Amino acid sequence: RNAAGRKSVTNARQIFDIMFPLLKGLSHEECWVIFLNRANYIIGKELLSTGGMTATVMDVKIIIRRALEKKAQGIILVHNHPSGNPRPGSNDMKQTMALKKAAETFDISLVDHIVIADHRYYSFADEEISSALPLSGQDA
């Protein structure tokens, strides 16, 4: 069923390597969502929105609807910061927590939210925001 050579996603670097070619050099923000099956294989990825230089829309309802349509067990949100600074802003934090909460309602896990800027990235799952946002499974 799984195509030969496909691996399950196990870390943020894999997602960076997949998404960097699509986001490098952009002068505007884009928000992408990657859909995963139960074994963390990518079953789809799509551009959710295109924004301005400092923001893009992450519509929670659209993300959840698409995840349900694809029967995804997990989702990874990816967006870029044209500024070159990968650190998430307060709006990024709020939207990530809102998406995590909504996804859990439908038994879908938000595996990660990755911000790509130049050749660097910020992974919510890797960073110790887990006290505010327990993405890795352990609840605060």
Protein backbone atom coordinates (compact mmCIF):
# COMPACT_ATOMS: atom_id res chain seq x y z
CA ARG A 1 0.00 0.00 0.00
CA ASN A 2 2.82 2.43 0.80
CA ALA A 3 4.98 3.39 -2.14
CA ALA A 4 8.46 1.92 -2.10
CA GLY A 5 11.01 4.20 -0.51
CA ARG A 6 8.50 6.20 1.50
CA LYS A 7 9.39 6.62 5.16
CA SER A 8 7.33 7.71 8.04
CA VAL A 9 7.94 11.21 9.34
CA THR A 10 9.92 11.05 12.55
CA ASN A 11 11.38 14.55 12.93
CA ALA A 12 11.06 18.19 11.97
CA ARG A 13 14.19 18.11 9.79
CA GLN A 14 12.44 15.74 7.35
CA ILE A 15 9.59 18.20 6.99
CA PHE A 16 12.02 21.10 6.56
CA ASP A 17 13.79 19.16 3.77
CA ILE A 18 10.47 18.54 2.01
CA MET A 19 9.08 22.06 2.41
CA PHE A 20 12.16 24.28 2.10
CA PRO A 21 12.28 24.06 -1.73
CA LEU A 22 8.66 25.27 -1.87
CA LEU A 23 9.14 28.17 0.56
CA LYS A 24 12.70 29.43 0.00
CA GLY A 25 13.05 32.95 -1.28
CA LEU A 26 9.36 33.85 -1.02
CA SER A 27 8.61 37.48 -0.16
CA HIS A 28 5.20 36.56 1.28
CA GLU A 29 4.00 34.08 3.89
CA GLU A 30 2.46 30.76 2.89
CA CYS A 31 0.77 28.27 5.17
CA TRP A 32 0.84 24.57 4.23
CA VAL A 33 -0.66 21.56 5.92
CA ILE A 34 0.77 18.05 5.68
CA PHE A 35 -1.58 15.14 6.32
CA LEU A 36 -0.35 11.91 7.93
CA ASN A 37 -1.84 8.46 8.30
CA ARG A 38 -1.63 6.40 11.49
CA ALA A 39 1.95 5.30 10.68
CA ASN A 40 3.01 8.93 10.09
CA TYR A 41 3.30 8.47 6.32
CA ILE A 42 2.50 11.61 4.34
CA ILE A 43 -0.84 11.08 2.60
CA GLY A 44 -1.04 14.61 1.24
CA LYS A 45 0.16 18.16 1.51
CA GLU A 46 -1.52 21.30 0.36
CA LEU A 47 -1.19 25.05 0.32
CA LEU A 48 -3.73 26.41 2.75
CA SER A 49 -3.24 30.14 2.28
CA THR A 50 -0.99 32.81 0.88
CA GLY A 51 -0.55 35.99 2.87
CA GLY A 52 1.39 39.19 3.04
CA MET A 53 4.91 39.81 4.25
CA THR A 54 4.05 39.39 7.93
CA ALA A 55 0.98 37.16 8.19
CA THR A 56 -1.12 34.47 6.59
CA VAL A 57 -4.43 32.94 7.59
CA MET A 58 -4.55 29.55 9.29
CA ASP A 59 -8.23 28.68 9.08
CA VAL A 60 -8.79 25.97 11.69
CA LYS A 61 -12.13 24.88 10.18
CA ILE A 62 -10.61 24.36 6.73
CA ILE A 63 -7.64 22.42 8.13
CA ILE A 64 -9.87 20.10 10.17
CA ARG A 65 -12.30 19.59 7.29
CA ARG A 66 -9.48 18.65 4.88
CA ALA A 67 -7.94 16.32 7.49
CA LEU A 68 -11.29 14.56 7.95
CA GLU A 69 -11.79 14.27 4.18
CA LYS A 70 -8.36 12.66 3.85
CA LYS A 71 -8.96 10.47 6.92
CA ALA A 72 -5.72 11.85 8.35
CA GLN A 73 -4.65 10.77 11.83
CA GLY A 74 -2.11 13.56 12.14
CA ILE A 75 -1.35 16.96 10.69
CA ILE A 76 1.74 19.12 10.50
CA LEU A 77 1.37 22.82 9.92
CA VAL A 78 4.19 24.59 8.05
CA HIS A 79 4.56 28.27 7.29
CA ASN A 80 7.39 30.59 6.39
CA HIS A 81 8.66 33.88 7.75
CA PRO A 82 10.11 36.01 4.91
CA SER A 83 11.80 38.17 7.57
CA GLY A 84 14.41 35.45 8.08
CA ASN A 85 13.55 34.98 11.78
CA PRO A 86 12.01 31.54 12.39
CA ARG A 87 10.78 32.29 15.92
CA PRO A 88 7.00 32.14 16.15
CA GLY A 89 5.09 35.27 17.06
CA SER A 90 2.29 35.42 19.61
CA ASN A 91 -0.29 35.01 16.83
CA ASP A 92 1.50 31.84 15.66
CA MET A 93 1.30 30.51 19.23
CA LYS A 94 -2.42 31.30 19.58
CA GLN A 95 -3.31 29.77 16.22
CA THR A 96 -1.28 26.64 16.97
CA MET A 97 -3.04 26.11 20.30
CA ALA A 98 -6.46 26.68 18.71
CA LEU A 99 -5.66 24.15 15.98
CA LYS A 100 -4.34 21.60 18.50
CA LYS A 101 -7.51 21.88 20.55
CA ALA A 102 -9.82 21.60 17.52
CA ALA A 103 -7.88 18.64 16.08
CA GLU A 104 -8.07 16.74 19.39
CA THR A 105 -11.87 17.02 19.26
CA PHE A 106 -11.76 14.84 16.14
CA ASP A 107 -9.02 12.52 17.43
CA ILE A 108 -6.48 14.03 15.06
CA SER A 109 -3.08 14.92 16.46
CA LEU A 110 -1.23 18.10 15.63
CA VAL A 111 2.17 16.49 15.28
CA ASP A 112 4.09 19.72 14.77
CA HIS A 113 3.99 23.30 13.53
CA ILE A 114 7.16 24.29 11.74
CA VAL A 115 8.18 27.83 10.86
CA ILE A 116 10.74 28.07 8.05
CA ALA A 117 12.89 31.18 7.59
CA ASP A 118 15.85 31.23 5.20
CA HIS A 119 17.83 28.05 5.90
CA ARG A 120 16.56 27.69 9.46
CA TYR A 121 13.40 26.39 11.02
CA TYR A 122 11.57 26.42 14.32
CA SER A 123 9.67 23.32 15.41
CA PHE A 124 7.00 23.65 18.08
CA ALA A 125 7.42 19.93 18.84
CA ASP A 126 11.21 20.20 19.26
CA GLU A 127 11.21 23.34 21.38
CA GLU A 128 10.25 23.28 25.01
CA ILE A 129 7.01 25.12 24.55
CA SER A 130 5.55 21.83 25.62
CA SER A 131 4.66 23.35 28.97
CA ALA A 132 2.22 25.65 27.16
CA LEU A 133 1.60 23.36 24.20
CA PRO A 134 2.01 19.64 24.85
CA LEU A 135 2.39 18.53 21.21
CA SER A 136 4.42 15.47 22.06
CA GLY A 137 1.68 13.65 23.92
CA GLN A 138 2.48 14.40 27.53
CA ASP A 139 -0.13 16.74 28.89
CA ALA A 140 0.96 19.61 31.10
